[in-house]
Amino acid sequence: MICLRRSSHGLRSGALRAVLLMALLPACSSGLPRPPSGPAPTSGLIEVAYPPPPARVETIPLQKTAGQVWIDGQWEWDGKGWKWREGEWMTPPANAYFTPWMTKRRGDGQLLFARAEWRDKDGRPLNVGADGQICSAPAPSAPSAETKATKQ
């Protein structure tokens, strides 16, 4: 019969490995600071001709200042086609939340798109600079699918 004996050195190195693994685990997770998010109103949906291409892979630069959040790169519809907007670090505006872009298909097959944007606590779009400052002019918006339907 063979008996294996563990030395106290083996236990210490195993414990050290476990502690090291636990310390490095957060570095391997997707721990980017994200903006507070909330619902996108359906009034912000516009008709688009075709879905966006797959997202692009981006290298995320170091955070410039504490308190900034990462906004992923995204496709935006310009009325004729999809244009890529690079991801960026942003300072969130006070009392606002972020709605990521989305697509939705209606029952009749029409594809709808809502652009990503910052919104105030009441859900109204904000025109926000990268520094988190709210500009005086409201965010640009295309005529919504509902507005187009009521005009017809």
N, C-alpha and C. Protein backbone atom coordinates (compact mmCIF):
# COMPACT_ATOMS: atom_id res chain seq x y z
N MET A 1 0.84 -1.16 0.00
CA MET A 1 0.00 0.00 0.00
C MET A 1 0.90 1.24 0.00
N ILE A 2 0.54 2.20 -0.87
CA ILE A 2 1.32 3.43 -0.98
C ILE A 2 0.54 4.55 -0.32
N CYS A 3 1.18 5.27 0.55
CA CYS A 3 0.55 6.42 1.21
C CYS A 3 1.19 7.69 0.70
N LEU A 4 0.37 8.65 0.36
CA LEU A 4 0.87 9.95 -0.07
C LEU A 4 0.75 10.91 1.09
N ARG A 5 1.80 11.61 1.35
CA ARG A 5 1.80 12.56 2.45
C ARG A 5 1.93 13.96 1.89
N ARG A 6 1.07 14.83 2.28
CA ARG A 6 1.13 16.23 1.85
C ARG A 6 1.96 17.01 2.83
N SER A 7 2.85 17.76 2.28
CA SER A 7 3.65 18.60 3.17
C SER A 7 2.92 19.91 3.42
N SER A 8 3.28 20.57 4.47
CA SER A 8 2.68 21.88 4.75
C SER A 8 3.07 22.87 3.67
N HIS A 9 4.24 22.66 3.01
CA HIS A 9 4.66 23.53 1.90
C HIS A 9 3.66 23.43 0.74
N GLY A 10 3.19 22.20 0.45
CA GLY A 10 2.22 21.99 -0.63
C GLY A 10 0.90 22.67 -0.34
N LEU A 11 0.48 22.65 0.91
CA LEU A 11 -0.76 23.32 1.29
C LEU A 11 -0.63 24.84 1.15
N ARG A 12 0.53 25.37 1.57
CA ARG A 12 0.74 26.81 1.48
C ARG A 12 0.76 27.27 0.03
N SER A 13 1.44 26.53 -0.85
CA SER A 13 1.50 26.95 -2.26
C SER A 13 0.13 26.82 -2.92
N GLY A 14 -0.65 25.82 -2.53
CA GLY A 14 -2.02 25.69 -3.06
C GLY A 14 -2.89 26.84 -2.61
N ALA A 15 -2.76 27.22 -1.35
CA ALA A 15 -3.53 28.36 -0.84
C ALA A 15 -3.10 29.65 -1.52
N LEU A 16 -1.80 29.79 -1.75
CA LEU A 16 -1.28 30.98 -2.43
C LEU A 16 -1.84 31.06 -3.86
N ARG A 17 -1.87 29.92 -4.55
CA ARG A 17 -2.45 29.90 -5.90
C ARG A 17 -3.92 30.30 -5.89
N ALA A 18 -4.66 29.82 -4.91
CA ALA A 18 -6.09 30.15 -4.83
C ALA A 18 -6.29 31.65 -4.59
N VAL A 19 -5.49 32.22 -3.70
CA VAL A 19 -5.59 33.65 -3.43
C VAL A 19 -5.23 34.45 -4.66
N LEU A 20 -4.17 34.05 -5.36
CA LEU A 20 -3.75 34.73 -6.58
C LEU A 20 -4.84 34.65 -7.65
N LEU A 21 -5.43 33.49 -7.81
CA LEU A 21 -6.51 33.32 -8.79
C LEU A 21 -7.70 34.23 -8.46
N MET A 22 -8.07 34.30 -7.19
CA MET A 22 -9.19 35.16 -6.79
C MET A 22 -8.87 36.64 -7.02
N ALA A 23 -7.61 37.01 -6.84
CA ALA A 23 -7.22 38.41 -7.05
C ALA A 23 -7.24 38.79 -8.52
N LEU A 24 -6.91 37.84 -9.39
CA LEU A 24 -6.85 38.12 -10.83
C LEU A 24 -8.20 37.96 -11.51
N LEU A 25 -9.13 37.27 -10.91
CA LEU A 25 -10.43 37.01 -11.53
C LEU A 25 -11.16 38.27 -11.97
N PRO A 26 -11.21 39.35 -11.16
CA PRO A 26 -11.90 40.56 -11.64
C PRO A 26 -11.28 41.16 -12.89
N ALA A 27 -9.99 40.99 -13.10
CA ALA A 27 -9.33 41.53 -14.29
C ALA A 27 -9.78 40.80 -15.54
N CYS A 28 -10.27 39.59 -15.40
CA CYS A 28 -10.71 38.80 -16.56
C CYS A 28 -12.19 38.99 -16.85
N SER A 29 -12.91 39.64 -15.99
CA SER A 29 -14.34 39.83 -16.21
C SER A 29 -14.58 41.11 -17.00
N SER A 30 -15.80 41.26 -17.47
CA SER A 30 -16.13 42.49 -18.20
C SER A 30 -16.58 43.53 -17.19
N GLY A 31 -15.64 44.08 -16.47
CA GLY A 31 -15.95 45.01 -15.41
C GLY A 31 -15.87 46.46 -15.82
N LEU A 32 -16.12 46.75 -17.08
CA LEU A 32 -16.10 48.15 -17.51
C LEU A 32 -17.24 48.91 -16.83
N PRO A 33 -16.97 50.14 -16.40
CA PRO A 33 -18.08 50.92 -15.85
C PRO A 33 -19.09 51.24 -16.95
N ARG A 34 -20.32 50.89 -16.72
CA ARG A 34 -21.39 51.08 -17.70
C ARG A 34 -22.32 52.20 -17.26
N PRO A 35 -22.99 52.83 -18.22
CA PRO A 35 -23.92 53.90 -17.86
C PRO A 35 -25.18 53.35 -17.23
N PRO A 36 -25.86 54.16 -16.42
CA PRO A 36 -27.18 53.73 -15.95
C PRO A 36 -28.08 53.60 -17.17
N SER A 37 -28.87 52.54 -17.24
CA SER A 37 -29.69 52.35 -18.44
C SER A 37 -31.17 52.35 -18.07
N GLY A 38 -31.99 52.52 -19.09
CA GLY A 38 -33.43 52.54 -18.91
C GLY A 38 -34.13 52.27 -20.22
N PRO A 39 -35.44 52.31 -20.22
CA PRO A 39 -36.21 51.97 -21.42
C PRO A 39 -36.15 53.05 -22.49
N ALA A 40 -36.20 52.60 -23.73
CA ALA A 40 -36.31 53.51 -24.88
C ALA A 40 -37.78 53.58 -25.27
N PRO A 41 -38.36 54.77 -25.30
CA PRO A 41 -39.77 54.87 -25.68
C PRO A 41 -39.97 54.44 -27.14
N THR A 42 -41.11 53.85 -27.43
CA THR A 42 -41.39 53.42 -28.80
C THR A 42 -41.53 54.60 -29.75
N SER A 43 -41.74 55.80 -29.23
CA SER A 43 -41.85 56.97 -30.09
C SER A 43 -40.52 57.28 -30.77
N GLY A 44 -39.42 56.74 -30.27
CA GLY A 44 -38.11 56.98 -30.85
C GLY A 44 -37.77 56.02 -31.97
N LEU A 45 -38.65 55.09 -32.30
CA LEU A 45 -38.39 54.11 -33.35
C LEU A 45 -38.61 54.72 -34.73
N ILE A 46 -37.67 54.45 -35.65
CA ILE A 46 -37.81 54.90 -37.04
C ILE A 46 -37.72 53.68 -37.95
N GLU A 47 -38.31 53.77 -39.12
CA GLU A 47 -38.23 52.69 -40.08
C GLU A 47 -36.86 52.69 -40.75
N VAL A 48 -36.28 51.51 -40.92
CA VAL A 48 -35.01 51.37 -41.63
C VAL A 48 -35.18 50.31 -42.72
N ALA A 49 -34.37 50.44 -43.77
CA ALA A 49 -34.52 49.57 -44.93
C ALA A 49 -33.99 48.15 -44.69
N TYR A 50 -32.94 48.04 -43.87
CA TYR A 50 -32.33 46.73 -43.64
C TYR A 50 -31.57 46.77 -42.32
N PRO A 51 -31.30 45.60 -41.72
CA PRO A 51 -30.63 45.57 -40.41
C PRO A 51 -29.18 46.02 -40.48
N PRO A 52 -28.63 46.43 -39.33
CA PRO A 52 -27.23 46.85 -39.31
C PRO A 52 -26.28 45.67 -39.49
N PRO A 53 -25.05 45.93 -39.94
CA PRO A 53 -24.05 44.87 -40.01
C PRO A 53 -23.66 44.42 -38.59
N PRO A 54 -22.87 43.34 -38.48
CA PRO A 54 -22.39 42.94 -37.15
C PRO A 54 -21.54 44.06 -36.54
N ALA A 55 -21.51 44.10 -35.23
CA ALA A 55 -20.70 45.11 -34.53
C ALA A 55 -19.23 44.91 -34.85
N ARG A 56 -18.48 45.98 -34.79
CA ARG A 56 -17.04 45.93 -35.01
C ARG A 56 -16.32 45.66 -33.68
N VAL A 57 -15.18 45.02 -33.78
CA VAL A 57 -14.35 44.79 -32.60
C VAL A 57 -13.58 46.07 -32.33
N GLU A 58 -13.57 46.50 -31.09
CA GLU A 58 -12.87 47.73 -30.72
C GLU A 58 -11.87 47.46 -29.61
N THR A 59 -10.78 48.18 -29.65
CA THR A 59 -9.83 48.17 -28.55
C THR A 59 -10.22 49.32 -27.64
N ILE A 60 -10.49 49.00 -26.40
CA ILE A 60 -10.96 50.02 -25.46
C ILE A 60 -9.75 50.72 -24.85
N PRO A 61 -9.66 52.04 -25.04
CA PRO A 61 -8.55 52.78 -24.44
C PRO A 61 -8.73 52.88 -22.92
N LEU A 62 -7.67 53.29 -22.25
CA LEU A 62 -7.75 53.48 -20.81
C LEU A 62 -8.74 54.59 -20.49
N GLN A 63 -9.40 54.43 -19.37
CA GLN A 63 -10.34 55.45 -18.89
C GLN A 63 -9.56 56.73 -18.61
N LYS A 64 -10.07 57.86 -19.12
CA LYS A 64 -9.36 59.13 -18.98
C LYS A 64 -9.49 59.72 -17.58
N THR A 65 -10.71 59.73 -17.06
CA THR A 65 -10.93 60.27 -15.72
C THR A 65 -11.91 59.38 -14.95
N ALA A 66 -11.77 59.40 -13.64
CA ALA A 66 -12.67 58.62 -12.79
C ALA A 66 -14.10 59.10 -13.00
N GLY A 67 -15.04 58.18 -12.91
CA GLY A 67 -16.45 58.54 -13.06
C GLY A 67 -16.98 58.38 -14.47
N GLN A 68 -16.08 58.18 -15.44
CA GLN A 68 -16.55 57.99 -16.81
C GLN A 68 -17.08 56.57 -16.98
N VAL A 69 -17.97 56.40 -17.95
CA VAL A 69 -18.54 55.10 -18.29
C VAL A 69 -18.22 54.80 -19.75
N TRP A 70 -18.15 53.52 -20.09
CA TRP A 70 -17.86 53.13 -21.47
C TRP A 70 -19.16 52.97 -22.25
N ILE A 71 -19.23 53.65 -23.40
CA ILE A 71 -20.35 53.51 -24.33
C ILE A 71 -19.81 52.72 -25.52
N ASP A 72 -20.36 51.53 -25.76
CA ASP A 72 -19.89 50.69 -26.86
C ASP A 72 -20.07 51.37 -28.21
N GLY A 73 -19.21 51.01 -29.16
CA GLY A 73 -19.39 51.45 -30.53
C GLY A 73 -20.72 50.91 -31.05
N GLN A 74 -21.27 51.59 -32.04
CA GLN A 74 -22.60 51.19 -32.51
C GLN A 74 -22.85 51.67 -33.93
N TRP A 75 -23.77 51.01 -34.56
CA TRP A 75 -24.23 51.44 -35.88
C TRP A 75 -25.33 52.46 -35.71
N GLU A 76 -25.32 53.49 -36.55
CA GLU A 76 -26.37 54.51 -36.56
C GLU A 76 -26.91 54.63 -37.98
N TRP A 77 -28.20 54.80 -38.10
CA TRP A 77 -28.86 54.95 -39.40
C TRP A 77 -28.87 56.43 -39.76
N ASP A 78 -28.34 56.78 -40.96
CA ASP A 78 -28.31 58.18 -41.38
C ASP A 78 -29.40 58.53 -42.39
N GLY A 79 -30.35 57.64 -42.57
CA GLY A 79 -31.44 57.87 -43.53
C GLY A 79 -31.21 57.15 -44.85
N LYS A 80 -29.95 56.77 -45.11
CA LYS A 80 -29.61 56.07 -46.36
C LYS A 80 -28.88 54.75 -46.10
N GLY A 81 -28.13 54.71 -45.01
CA GLY A 81 -27.34 53.52 -44.71
C GLY A 81 -26.79 53.59 -43.30
N TRP A 82 -26.09 52.53 -42.92
CA TRP A 82 -25.53 52.43 -41.58
C TRP A 82 -24.13 53.04 -41.54
N LYS A 83 -23.86 53.82 -40.51
CA LYS A 83 -22.55 54.44 -40.28
C LYS A 83 -22.07 54.00 -38.89
N TRP A 84 -20.79 53.62 -38.81
CA TRP A 84 -20.25 53.18 -37.53
C TRP A 84 -19.85 54.37 -36.67
N ARG A 85 -20.23 54.33 -35.42
CA ARG A 85 -19.81 55.34 -34.44
C ARG A 85 -18.96 54.61 -33.40
N GLU A 86 -17.72 55.04 -33.27
CA GLU A 86 -16.78 54.39 -32.35
C GLU A 86 -17.23 54.53 -30.90
N GLY A 87 -16.87 53.53 -30.08
CA GLY A 87 -17.14 53.59 -28.66
C GLY A 87 -16.32 54.69 -28.01
N GLU A 88 -16.74 55.13 -26.85
CA GLU A 88 -16.03 56.20 -26.17
C GLU A 88 -16.31 56.19 -24.67
N TRP A 89 -15.38 56.78 -23.94
CA TRP A 89 -15.58 57.03 -22.52
C TRP A 89 -16.36 58.33 -22.40
N MET A 90 -17.38 58.34 -21.54
CA MET A 90 -18.19 59.54 -21.35
C MET A 90 -18.47 59.75 -19.87
N THR A 91 -18.64 60.99 -19.50
CA THR A 91 -19.09 61.32 -18.16
C THR A 91 -20.61 61.38 -18.21
N PRO A 92 -21.30 60.54 -17.42
CA PRO A 92 -22.77 60.56 -17.49
C PRO A 92 -23.33 61.89 -17.00
N PRO A 93 -24.32 62.42 -17.71
CA PRO A 93 -24.96 63.65 -17.22
C PRO A 93 -25.76 63.34 -15.95
N ALA A 94 -25.92 64.34 -15.11
CA ALA A 94 -26.67 64.17 -13.86
C ALA A 94 -28.13 63.84 -14.16
N ASN A 95 -28.69 62.97 -13.37
CA ASN A 95 -30.12 62.61 -13.45
C ASN A 95 -30.54 62.13 -14.83
N ALA A 96 -29.69 61.38 -15.50
CA ALA A 96 -30.01 60.87 -16.83
C ALA A 96 -29.67 59.39 -16.91
N TYR A 97 -30.23 58.74 -17.91
CA TYR A 97 -29.91 57.34 -18.17
C TYR A 97 -29.66 57.16 -19.66
N PHE A 98 -29.04 56.04 -20.01
CA PHE A 98 -28.65 55.77 -21.39
C PHE A 98 -29.51 54.64 -21.95
N THR A 99 -29.97 54.82 -23.18
CA THR A 99 -30.69 53.75 -23.87
C THR A 99 -29.84 53.28 -25.04
N PRO A 100 -29.37 52.03 -25.02
CA PRO A 100 -28.58 51.54 -26.15
C PRO A 100 -29.47 51.42 -27.40
N TRP A 101 -28.82 51.39 -28.57
CA TRP A 101 -29.59 51.26 -29.81
C TRP A 101 -30.28 49.91 -29.81
N MET A 102 -31.34 49.84 -30.59
CA MET A 102 -32.06 48.57 -30.71
C MET A 102 -32.82 48.51 -32.03
N THR A 103 -33.09 47.32 -32.47
CA THR A 103 -33.98 47.13 -33.62
C THR A 103 -35.15 46.29 -33.15
N LYS A 104 -36.25 46.45 -33.86
CA LYS A 104 -37.48 45.72 -33.53
C LYS A 104 -38.22 45.49 -34.84
N ARG A 105 -38.76 44.32 -35.00
CA ARG A 105 -39.51 44.01 -36.22
C ARG A 105 -41.00 44.03 -35.89
N ARG A 106 -41.75 44.82 -36.69
CA ARG A 106 -43.21 44.87 -36.52
C ARG A 106 -43.83 43.59 -37.08
N GLY A 107 -45.10 43.39 -36.77
CA GLY A 107 -45.82 42.21 -37.26
C GLY A 107 -45.89 42.14 -38.77
N ASP A 108 -45.87 43.30 -39.45
CA ASP A 108 -45.93 43.31 -40.92
C ASP A 108 -44.56 43.11 -41.56
N GLY A 109 -43.52 42.91 -40.72
CA GLY A 109 -42.18 42.66 -41.25
C GLY A 109 -41.29 43.88 -41.32
N GLN A 110 -41.85 45.08 -41.15
CA GLN A 110 -41.05 46.31 -41.21
C GLN A 110 -40.06 46.35 -40.05
N LEU A 111 -38.81 46.73 -40.35
CA LEU A 111 -37.77 46.83 -39.33
C LEU A 111 -37.71 48.25 -38.78
N LEU A 112 -37.70 48.37 -37.45
CA LEU A 112 -37.63 49.66 -36.78
C LEU A 112 -36.31 49.75 -36.02
N PHE A 113 -35.82 50.96 -35.85
CA PHE A 113 -34.55 51.20 -35.19
C PHE A 113 -34.69 52.37 -34.22
N ALA A 114 -34.09 52.24 -33.04
CA ALA A 114 -34.01 53.34 -32.07
C ALA A 114 -32.53 53.61 -31.83
N ARG A 115 -32.12 54.87 -32.01
CA ARG A 115 -30.72 55.21 -31.81
C ARG A 115 -30.39 55.23 -30.33
N ALA A 116 -29.12 55.01 -30.03
CA ALA A 116 -28.66 55.10 -28.65
C ALA A 116 -28.62 56.57 -28.24
N GLU A 117 -29.06 56.87 -27.03
CA GLU A 117 -29.01 58.25 -26.59
C GLU A 117 -29.21 58.35 -25.08
N TRP A 118 -28.78 59.47 -24.56
CA TRP A 118 -29.01 59.79 -23.16
C TRP A 118 -30.41 60.39 -23.05
N ARG A 119 -31.09 60.09 -21.95
CA ARG A 119 -32.45 60.59 -21.72
C ARG A 119 -32.55 61.17 -20.32
N ASP A 120 -33.42 62.17 -20.17
CA ASP A 120 -33.65 62.71 -18.83
C ASP A 120 -34.56 61.76 -18.06
N LYS A 121 -34.82 62.07 -16.81
CA LYS A 121 -35.60 61.17 -15.96
C LYS A 121 -37.01 60.92 -16.49
N ASP A 122 -37.50 61.82 -17.38
CA ASP A 122 -38.83 61.65 -17.97
C ASP A 122 -38.78 60.94 -19.32
N GLY A 123 -37.59 60.51 -19.74
CA GLY A 123 -37.45 59.77 -20.99
C GLY A 123 -37.21 60.62 -22.22
N ARG A 124 -37.08 61.94 -22.06
CA ARG A 124 -36.83 62.82 -23.21
C ARG A 124 -35.35 62.75 -23.61
N PRO A 125 -35.06 62.71 -24.93
CA PRO A 125 -33.66 62.65 -25.36
C PRO A 125 -32.88 63.91 -25.00
N LEU A 126 -31.61 63.72 -24.67
CA LEU A 126 -30.71 64.82 -24.34
C LEU A 126 -29.59 64.88 -25.37
N ASN A 127 -29.09 66.06 -25.63
CA ASN A 127 -27.93 66.23 -26.49
C ASN A 127 -26.74 66.39 -25.54
N VAL A 128 -25.93 65.33 -25.42
CA VAL A 128 -24.87 65.28 -24.42
C VAL A 128 -23.51 65.18 -25.09
N GLY A 129 -22.57 66.01 -24.65
CA GLY A 129 -21.20 65.93 -25.12
C GLY A 129 -20.44 64.85 -24.37
N ALA A 130 -19.24 64.50 -24.84
CA ALA A 130 -18.44 63.46 -24.21
C ALA A 130 -18.09 63.79 -22.77
N ASP A 131 -18.11 65.08 -22.43
CA ASP A 131 -17.79 65.50 -21.07
C ASP A 131 -19.00 65.42 -20.14
N GLY A 132 -20.14 64.95 -20.66
CA GLY A 132 -21.35 64.81 -19.86
C GLY A 132 -22.18 66.07 -19.77
N GLN A 133 -21.72 67.16 -20.40
CA GLN A 133 -22.47 68.41 -20.36
C GLN A 133 -23.64 68.35 -21.33
N ILE A 134 -24.78 68.81 -20.89
CA ILE A 134 -25.98 68.83 -21.73
C ILE A 134 -25.95 70.10 -22.56
N CYS A 135 -26.04 69.94 -23.87
CA CYS A 135 -26.05 71.08 -24.79
C CYS A 135 -27.46 71.64 -24.85
N SER A 136 -27.60 72.89 -25.26
CA SER A 136 -28.90 73.55 -25.25
C SER A 136 -29.87 72.97 -26.26
N ALA A 137 -29.37 72.57 -27.43
CA ALA A 137 -30.27 72.04 -28.47
C ALA A 137 -30.62 70.59 -28.14
N PRO A 138 -31.87 70.19 -28.39
CA PRO A 138 -32.23 68.79 -28.15
C PRO A 138 -31.51 67.88 -29.13
N ALA A 139 -31.40 66.62 -28.76
CA ALA A 139 -30.75 65.63 -29.63
C ALA A 139 -31.52 65.53 -30.94
N PRO A 140 -30.82 65.37 -32.07
CA PRO A 140 -31.52 65.24 -33.35
C PRO A 140 -32.33 63.97 -33.37
N SER A 141 -33.48 64.04 -33.98
CA SER A 141 -34.30 62.83 -34.09
C SER A 141 -34.94 62.80 -35.46
N ALA A 142 -34.99 61.61 -36.01
CA ALA A 142 -35.65 61.41 -37.30
C ALA A 142 -37.14 61.23 -37.03
N PRO A 143 -37.98 61.45 -38.03
CA PRO A 143 -39.41 61.22 -37.81
C PRO A 143 -39.64 59.77 -37.40
N SER A 144 -40.43 59.57 -36.36
CA SER A 144 -40.66 58.22 -35.87
C SER A 144 -41.59 57.46 -36.81
N ALA A 145 -41.62 56.15 -36.62
CA ALA A 145 -42.50 55.30 -37.42
C ALA A 145 -43.95 55.67 -37.14
N GLU A 146 -44.26 56.04 -35.88
CA GLU A 146 -45.62 56.43 -35.54
C GLU A 146 -46.00 57.74 -36.21
N THR A 147 -45.07 58.71 -36.26
CA THR A 147 -45.33 60.00 -36.91
C THR A 147 -45.59 59.78 -38.39
N LYS A 148 -44.79 58.95 -39.03
CA LYS A 148 -44.98 58.67 -40.45
C LYS A 148 -46.33 58.02 -40.70
N ALA A 149 -46.73 57.13 -39.81
CA ALA A 149 -48.01 56.42 -39.99
C ALA A 149 -49.18 57.39 -39.87
N THR A 150 -49.09 58.37 -38.97
CA THR A 150 -50.21 59.31 -38.79
C THR A 150 -50.31 60.30 -39.94
N LYS A 151 -49.18 60.57 -40.64
CA LYS A 151 -49.20 61.48 -41.79
C LYS A 151 -49.81 60.86 -43.02
N GLN A 152 -49.84 59.54 -43.05
CA GLN A 152 -50.35 58.85 -44.26
C GLN A 152 -51.82 58.68 -44.26
